[in-house]
Protein backbone atom coordinates (compact mmCIF):
# COMPACT_ATOMS: atom_id res chain seq x y z
CA MET A 1 22.96 13.46 -11.16
CA SER A 2 26.46 15.25 -12.37
CA ARG A 3 29.25 13.61 -13.19
CA THR A 4 31.36 14.05 -10.03
CA GLU A 5 28.53 12.27 -7.70
CA LYS A 6 28.76 8.33 -7.66
CA ARG A 7 26.23 6.23 -9.07
CA LYS A 8 24.59 4.35 -5.75
CA THR A 9 23.16 0.81 -5.35
CA ILE A 10 20.07 0.55 -3.85
CA LEU A 11 18.40 -3.39 -2.87
CA PHE A 12 14.64 -2.08 -1.94
CA GLY A 13 12.15 -4.37 -0.50
CA VAL A 14 8.33 -3.89 0.18
CA LEU A 15 6.18 -6.11 2.59
CA ASP A 16 3.92 -8.53 0.40
CA TRP A 17 0.46 -8.00 2.55
CA GLY A 18 -1.44 -7.03 -0.88
CA LEU A 19 -0.04 -4.57 -3.72
CA GLY A 20 0.12 -1.64 -1.39
CA HIS A 21 3.43 -1.21 -0.15
CA ALA A 22 4.79 -2.28 -3.35
CA THR A 23 2.90 0.21 -5.73
CA ARG A 24 3.62 3.12 -3.03
CA SER A 25 7.12 2.15 -3.43
CA MET A 26 7.25 2.66 -6.69
CA PRO A 27 7.74 6.71 -7.52
CA LEU A 28 11.10 5.97 -5.03
CA ILE A 29 12.08 3.32 -7.27
CA ASP A 30 11.30 5.08 -10.09
CA ALA A 31 12.89 8.99 -9.24
CA LEU A 32 15.78 6.57 -8.30
CA LEU A 33 16.06 5.45 -11.86
CA ALA A 34 15.47 8.32 -13.67
CA LEU A 35 18.94 9.30 -11.63
CA ASP A 36 20.93 6.79 -13.12
CA HIS A 37 21.09 4.59 -9.43
CA GLU A 38 21.32 1.28 -9.67
CA VAL A 39 18.30 -0.41 -8.05
CA ILE A 40 17.90 -4.36 -6.79
CA LEU A 41 14.38 -4.96 -5.88
CA ALA A 42 13.65 -7.71 -3.15
CA GLY A 43 9.99 -9.42 -2.42
CA SER A 44 7.41 -11.89 -1.70
CA GLY A 45 4.32 -13.11 -2.80
CA ALA A 46 2.34 -11.06 -5.60
CA ALA A 47 3.83 -7.78 -4.94
CA ALA A 48 7.76 -9.54 -6.27
CA ARG A 49 5.13 -10.50 -8.72
CA LEU A 50 3.96 -6.89 -9.61
CA LEU A 51 7.53 -4.94 -9.41
CA GLN A 52 9.19 -7.90 -11.27
CA GLU A 53 5.82 -6.99 -14.42
CA THR A 54 6.67 -3.29 -14.54
CA TYR A 55 11.00 -3.58 -13.81
CA PRO A 56 11.51 -6.51 -15.71
CA ARG A 57 15.60 -5.48 -16.41
CA LEU A 58 15.73 -4.77 -12.85
CA ARG A 59 17.53 -7.21 -10.54
CA PHE A 60 15.56 -9.03 -7.86
CA LEU A 61 16.35 -11.26 -4.40
CA SER A 62 13.97 -13.05 -3.36
CA LEU A 63 12.33 -13.74 0.19
CA PRO A 64 10.26 -15.95 1.93
CA GLU A 65 6.19 -15.22 2.10
CA ASN A 66 5.16 -14.24 5.25
CA LYS A 67 1.70 -16.02 4.35
CA ILE A 68 -0.56 -14.47 6.83
CA ALA A 69 -3.97 -16.14 6.71
CA TYR A 70 -7.04 -13.87 8.34
CA GLY A 71 -9.84 -15.42 9.87
CA ARG A 72 -12.43 -12.80 11.40
CA HIS A 73 -10.14 -10.27 13.32
CA ALA A 74 -7.02 -9.96 11.30
CA GLY A 75 -5.42 -8.09 13.97
CA TRP A 76 -5.63 -11.77 16.70
CA SER A 77 -4.86 -13.42 13.51
CA ALA A 78 -1.09 -11.74 13.10
CA LEU A 79 -0.31 -11.80 16.96
CA LEU A 80 -1.14 -15.86 16.78
CA GLN A 81 0.79 -16.29 13.59
CA SER A 82 4.18 -14.04 15.25
CA PRO A 83 6.26 -16.48 15.99
CA ARG A 84 6.47 -17.77 12.13
CA LEU A 85 6.21 -14.15 11.71
CA LEU A 86 9.97 -13.09 13.41
CA LEU A 87 10.98 -16.27 12.09
CA ASN A 88 11.26 -15.13 8.54
CA ILE A 89 12.63 -12.11 9.92
CA GLN A 90 15.02 -13.79 11.21
CA ARG A 91 15.31 -16.03 7.69
CA GLU A 92 15.33 -12.73 5.31
CA HIS A 93 18.08 -10.92 7.30
CA ARG A 94 20.10 -13.73 6.49
CA LEU A 95 19.09 -13.69 2.66
CA VAL A 96 19.99 -9.78 2.76
CA ALA A 97 23.55 -10.74 4.54
CA ALA A 98 23.88 -13.59 2.51
CA PHE A 99 23.37 -11.51 -1.10
CA LEU A 100 25.70 -8.43 0.36
CA LYS A 101 28.76 -11.01 0.75
CA LYS A 102 28.67 -11.29 -3.02
CA GLU A 103 26.81 -8.02 -4.07
CA PRO A 104 27.83 -4.71 -1.57
CA VAL A 105 25.11 -2.13 -1.92
CA ASP A 106 25.70 0.93 -0.65
CA LEU A 107 21.80 1.77 1.23
CA ILE A 108 18.66 -0.51 1.51
CA VAL A 109 15.55 0.89 1.36
CA SER A 110 12.62 -1.23 2.83
CA ASP A 111 9.07 -0.69 2.65
CA ASN A 112 7.46 -2.54 6.46
CA ARG A 113 10.13 -5.73 5.92
CA TYR A 114 11.58 -5.50 8.59
CA GLY A 115 14.57 -8.46 8.17
CA LEU A 116 16.05 -6.21 5.38
CA TYR A 117 19.17 -4.67 7.00
CA HIS A 118 22.89 -5.40 7.37
CA PRO A 119 25.13 -4.28 9.93
CA GLU A 120 27.18 -2.68 7.46
CA THR A 121 24.92 -1.02 5.60
CA PRO A 122 22.60 2.14 5.67
CA ALA A 123 19.46 1.32 5.79
CA ILE A 124 15.69 3.74 5.70
CA PHE A 125 12.24 1.96 6.77
CA LEU A 126 9.33 2.95 5.27
CA THR A 127 5.78 2.47 7.19
CA HIS A 128 2.44 5.09 7.47
CA GLN A 129 2.34 2.82 10.66
CA LEU A 130 4.06 4.33 13.96
CA GLU A 131 0.71 2.93 15.78
CA LEU A 132 -0.41 -0.50 15.55
CA LEU A 133 -4.06 -0.06 16.71
CA PRO A 134 -6.18 -2.93 18.42
CA PRO A 135 -8.77 -5.37 17.39
CA ALA A 136 -12.26 -3.45 18.12
CA ASP A 137 -12.78 -6.48 20.27
CA ALA A 138 -9.21 -5.55 22.25
CA GLU A 139 -10.11 -2.19 23.56
CA LYS A 140 -10.11 -2.99 27.21
CA MET A 141 -6.58 -4.39 26.51
CA ALA A 142 -5.45 -1.37 24.40
CA PHE A 143 -3.38 0.01 26.80
CA LEU A 144 -1.27 -3.79 27.03
CA TRP A 145 -1.38 -3.41 22.83
CA ARG A 146 0.40 -0.34 22.00
CA TYR A 147 2.74 -0.77 25.32
CA VAL A 148 3.64 -4.52 23.62
CA TRP A 149 3.62 -3.16 20.49
CA LYS A 150 6.07 0.00 21.50
CA LYS A 151 8.65 -2.77 23.36
CA ALA A 152 8.78 -3.99 20.19
CA GLN A 153 9.15 -1.38 17.21
CA SER A 154 12.29 0.09 19.65
CA HIS A 155 13.62 -3.88 18.76
CA LEU A 156 12.20 -3.84 15.23
CA PHE A 157 13.32 -0.40 14.40
CA ARG A 158 16.76 -0.15 15.63
CA PRO A 159 19.04 -1.53 12.88
CA PHE A 160 17.56 1.16 10.63
CA ARG A 161 18.92 4.98 10.69
CA GLN A 162 15.90 6.39 9.57
CA ILE A 163 12.02 5.72 9.29
CA TRP A 164 10.58 7.69 6.19
CA VAL A 165 6.25 8.19 7.06
CA PRO A 166 4.09 8.52 3.32
CA ASP A 167 2.18 11.09 4.92
CA TYR A 168 2.18 14.88 5.54
CA GLU A 169 3.55 15.93 8.07
CA LYS A 170 1.62 18.43 9.57
CA ALA A 171 -1.13 16.80 11.61
CA ASP A 172 -4.23 18.80 10.18
CA GLN A 173 -3.33 17.82 7.19
CA SER A 174 -2.36 14.71 7.81
CA LEU A 175 -4.06 11.53 5.64
CA ALA A 176 -3.54 8.52 7.91
CA GLY A 177 -3.96 10.45 11.27
CA ASP A 178 -3.54 8.71 14.36
CA LEU A 179 -1.44 5.76 13.05
CA SER A 180 1.63 7.97 11.60
CA ARG A 181 1.93 11.11 14.25
CA ALA A 182 3.15 8.69 16.94
CA ALA A 183 6.37 8.50 18.82
CA ALA A 184 9.10 6.50 17.09
CA PRO A 185 12.87 5.72 18.56
CA LEU A 186 14.26 6.94 14.68
CA PRO A 187 14.69 10.91 13.12
CA LEU A 188 11.11 10.51 11.16
CA ARG A 189 11.03 12.31 7.73
CA TYR A 190 7.09 12.54 6.16
CA LEU A 191 7.39 12.32 2.32
CA GLY A 192 3.95 13.13 1.42
CA PRO A 193 0.89 10.84 -0.07
CA LEU A 194 3.06 8.63 -2.15
CA SER A 195 1.85 7.59 -5.47
CA ARG A 196 2.18 5.73 -9.06
CA PHE A 197 0.40 7.46 -10.83
CA SER A 198 0.69 10.70 -12.55
CA PRO A 199 0.34 13.88 -11.78
CA ALA A 200 -3.61 14.73 -11.90
CA VAL A 201 -4.84 16.11 -15.59
CA GLU A 202 -7.72 18.03 -15.56
CA ASN A 203 -10.33 15.52 -17.80
CA THR A 204 -13.29 17.66 -19.21
CA ALA A 205 -15.12 14.40 -20.59
CA PRO A 206 -17.87 13.26 -17.80
CA LYS A 207 -17.24 10.47 -15.71
CA ALA A 208 -19.41 7.24 -15.71
CA GLY A 209 -19.45 3.98 -14.03
CA LEU A 210 -18.46 1.97 -11.30
CA LEU A 211 -15.23 0.76 -10.27
CA LEU A 212 -14.76 -1.86 -8.31
CA LEU A 213 -11.35 -2.53 -7.25
CA LEU A 214 -10.01 -4.93 -5.35
CA SER A 215 -6.57 -5.81 -3.43
CA GLY A 216 -4.92 -7.53 0.27
CA PRO A 217 -4.69 -11.15 0.51
CA GLU A 218 -6.90 -13.78 0.87
CA PRO A 219 -9.77 -15.30 1.40
CA GLN A 220 -10.69 -11.81 1.97
CA ARG A 221 -9.80 -10.80 -1.46
CA SER A 222 -12.37 -12.94 -3.07
CA ARG A 223 -15.33 -12.79 -0.95
CA LEU A 224 -15.48 -9.03 -1.70
CA GLU A 225 -15.42 -10.13 -5.04
CA LYS A 226 -18.03 -13.21 -4.94
CA LEU A 227 -20.32 -10.30 -2.80
CA LEU A 228 -20.29 -7.52 -5.38
CA LEU A 229 -20.65 -9.85 -7.81
CA ASP A 230 -23.69 -11.07 -6.52
CA GLN A 231 -25.13 -7.49 -5.97
CA LEU A 232 -24.50 -6.36 -9.19
CA PRO A 233 -28.16 -7.01 -10.77
CA ASP A 234 -28.74 -4.14 -8.26
CA VAL A 235 -26.55 -1.52 -10.39
CA ALA A 236 -28.08 -0.24 -14.08
CA ASP A 237 -24.39 1.21 -14.11
CA PRO A 238 -22.04 -0.53 -16.29
CA VAL A 239 -19.47 -2.06 -14.27
CA THR A 240 -15.41 -2.51 -14.17
CA LEU A 241 -13.74 -5.17 -12.67
CA VAL A 242 -9.97 -4.79 -11.92
CA ARG A 243 -9.08 -8.15 -9.50
CA GLY A 244 -5.92 -7.11 -8.14
CA LEU A 245 -4.17 -10.44 -9.46
CA PRO A 246 -1.29 -9.77 -11.00
CA GLY A 247 0.12 -12.58 -12.82
CA ASN A 248 -3.03 -15.17 -12.67
CA HIS A 249 -3.98 -15.59 -16.24
CA GLN A 250 -7.18 -17.02 -15.53
CA LYS A 251 -10.14 -15.64 -16.94
CA LEU A 252 -13.72 -15.24 -14.69
CA THR A 253 -16.62 -15.48 -16.47
CA HIS A 254 -19.43 -13.10 -14.85
CA PRO A 255 -23.48 -13.71 -17.17
CA LEU A 256 -23.17 -9.65 -17.39
CA GLU A 257 -20.39 -9.49 -18.93
CA LYS A 258 -21.64 -9.27 -22.28
CA ASP A 259 -24.02 -6.90 -21.25
CA ARG A 260 -22.26 -3.83 -18.73
CA LEU A 261 -19.35 -5.75 -16.98
CA ARG A 262 -15.86 -5.80 -18.03
CA ILE A 263 -13.50 -7.56 -16.58
CA PHE A 264 -9.55 -7.78 -15.56
CA ASN A 265 -7.15 -10.06 -13.63
CA HIS A 266 -4.50 -7.14 -13.54
CA LEU A 267 -3.74 -3.48 -14.86
CA ASP A 268 -0.78 -1.74 -15.21
CA ALA A 269 -0.44 1.76 -14.17
CA ALA A 270 -1.33 3.63 -17.07
CA ALA A 271 -3.89 1.48 -17.60
CA LEU A 272 -5.73 1.54 -14.10
CA GLN A 273 -5.09 5.21 -13.69
CA ALA A 274 -6.92 5.88 -17.18
CA LEU A 275 -9.66 3.74 -15.31
CA MET A 276 -9.64 5.84 -12.28
CA VAL A 277 -9.84 8.87 -13.58
CA SER A 278 -12.99 8.13 -16.19
CA HIS A 279 -15.47 6.44 -14.09
CA ALA A 280 -17.84 7.71 -11.55
CA CYS A 281 -17.29 6.16 -8.63
CA ILE A 282 -14.71 3.76 -7.26
CA ILE A 283 -15.88 1.20 -4.89
CA ALA A 284 -12.57 -0.34 -3.03
CA ARG A 285 -10.98 -1.20 0.52
CA SER A 286 -9.71 1.24 2.86
CA GLY A 287 -5.64 0.73 2.45
CA TYR A 288 -3.80 3.85 2.96
CA SER A 289 -1.51 2.25 -0.67
CA THR A 290 -5.38 3.11 -2.00
CA LEU A 291 -6.15 6.35 -0.30
CA MET A 292 -2.95 8.47 -1.07
CA ASP A 293 -3.93 7.18 -4.83
CA LEU A 294 -7.19 8.40 -4.17
CA GLN A 295 -5.57 11.47 -2.76
CA ARG A 296 -3.23 11.91 -6.52
CA LEU A 297 -6.02 11.44 -8.70
CA GLY A 298 -8.84 12.82 -7.04
CA GLY A 299 -12.74 11.60 -7.16
CA ARG A 300 -15.41 9.98 -5.19
CA ALA A 301 -15.40 6.83 -3.79
CA ALA A 302 -17.07 4.25 -0.95
CA PHE A 303 -14.74 1.76 1.02
CA ILE A 304 -15.68 -1.61 2.24
CA PRO A 305 -12.87 -2.42 4.84
CA THR A 306 -11.01 -6.18 4.90
CA PRO A 307 -12.70 -7.05 8.09
CA GLY A 308 -10.84 -7.63 11.00
CA GLN A 309 -8.31 -4.50 9.84
CA PRO A 310 -8.35 -1.72 12.72
CA GLU A 311 -6.16 -0.14 10.58
CA GLN A 312 -9.22 -0.38 7.44
CA GLU A 313 -11.80 -0.13 9.82
CA TYR A 314 -9.75 3.45 11.06
CA LEU A 315 -9.11 5.21 7.90
CA ALA A 316 -12.59 4.24 6.70
CA ARG A 317 -13.96 5.85 9.61
CA ARG A 318 -12.05 8.75 9.48
CA MET A 319 -12.72 9.50 5.55
CA ALA A 320 -15.80 9.32 6.01
CA ALA A 321 -16.12 11.71 9.20
CA GLN A 322 -14.25 14.44 7.34
CA GLY A 323 -17.25 14.12 4.15
CA ILE A 324 -14.82 12.42 2.24
CA ALA A 325 -15.97 8.92 1.85
CA PRO A 326 -18.59 6.30 2.68
CA TRP A 327 -17.82 3.20 3.93
CA GLN A 328 -19.44 -0.41 4.85
CA GLU A 329 -19.02 -3.72 6.79
CA GLN A 330 -18.77 -6.20 4.37
CA THR A 331 -20.90 -8.12 6.52
CA ARG A 332 -23.58 -5.80 5.69
CA LEU A 333 -22.60 -4.64 2.29
CA HIS A 334 -25.75 -3.09 0.22
CA LEU A 335 -24.03 -1.69 -3.05
CA ALA A 336 -26.63 -0.39 -4.01
CA ALA A 337 -27.62 2.11 -1.04
CA LEU A 338 -23.93 2.03 -0.10
CA LEU A 339 -23.83 4.14 -4.53
CA GLN A 340 -26.34 6.25 -3.04
CA GLU A 341 -24.94 7.45 -0.35
CA THR A 342 -21.67 9.28 -2.43
CA ARG A 343 -23.27 11.91 -3.61
CA HIS A 344 -24.23 13.02 -0.28
CA PHE A 345 -19.50 13.08 -0.15
CA SER A 346 -17.50 15.28 -1.74
CA GLY A 347 -14.84 12.81 -3.34
CA PHE A 348 -11.00 13.05 -3.22
CA GLN A 349 -9.73 16.29 -4.38
CA ALA A 350 -6.68 15.79 -6.92
CA GLU A 351 -2.98 17.16 -5.11
CA ASN A 352 0.08 16.81 -6.89
CA GLY A 353 3.51 14.66 -5.52
CA ALA A 354 6.98 15.64 -5.03
CA ASP A 355 10.05 15.28 -6.60
CA TYR A 356 11.51 12.53 -5.49
CA ARG A 357 15.12 12.71 -7.30
CA GLN A 358 15.67 15.42 -5.31
CA LEU A 359 14.93 13.78 -2.23
CA TRP A 360 17.47 11.25 -3.06
CA ASN A 361 19.52 13.78 -3.40
CA GLU A 362 19.79 15.19 -0.44
CA THR A 363 19.47 11.61 0.85
CA LEU A 364 22.60 9.99 -1.21
CA SER A 365 24.63 12.71 -0.81
CA SER A 366 24.83 12.66 2.64
CA SER A 367 27.66 11.96 5.23
CA GLY A 368 25.36 8.58 7.09
CA ILE A 369 25.02 7.09 3.92
């Protein structure tokens, strides 16, 4: 930042459904800090704990937790709980309004938090989900589902100035596919995939072992963890389990731990990257943030979508159709067979990210912000 440029204050908030919204926001936050702008973080739940652990010196605004309880079908679960979600949006908006009376900011950035705006402050909405897929058992109602979503989207996006999409602009390069290609009521800016990991460095050491990378909302995270641990005796390779539980210090024990199993509740970005590039295969949810991390680092993977989450099921099928990675349903999980299947897929090819400092220089110097 040159001496003639004003130091800006940015309120940056993330959604609390899993850790992905927090992790994918980190390269944008890091670029702001590198330019010596002030960043105030906002969030709730595990995502908030992760941000506070990563940026302990930054101020933090606590927002209400959404606490979605997922049943067999996440889409219907979210729909049935939409009154509470809408109430939470209003609550977080009131919290932001009260905060800004005391602490004015130059810009608000919201990763999928619809209440994080103020009529007198420019705001940017970060999302890859321009299209909300209907549940698998609602295909006959797909038209109505999309119609309702478009109406809701028009209302929810109205307070923001721009939508930033963490995907490639060209459709033939898109990682999110149909999710990020739908029309939107605001100007779109495609950023390319966002990952907190550093650009891939060629690693000549041989890769070995299986990395189980868990994340996402409960109770499905715990259910998958149990399924995987129960099937470990059928796998001969050494295994590392990262549970995706920041702030949780309760130790999980397992009979194989003394032999060929390592267990971590949570790891920082550097330690997790080291594991991802050194293991021969990664088993994970097919959440979009996980796909972006794999796109950055490269490597072989296989996916187990969260049951009833149409987005994860769509992304898993898309990766398989492109010959990149196989997938299995959680209810039919056969870990040994899934590992065998990865040999017939190409895996992800590592790609570098963009220079987000340039993005912020352009954004913060524009007349609208």
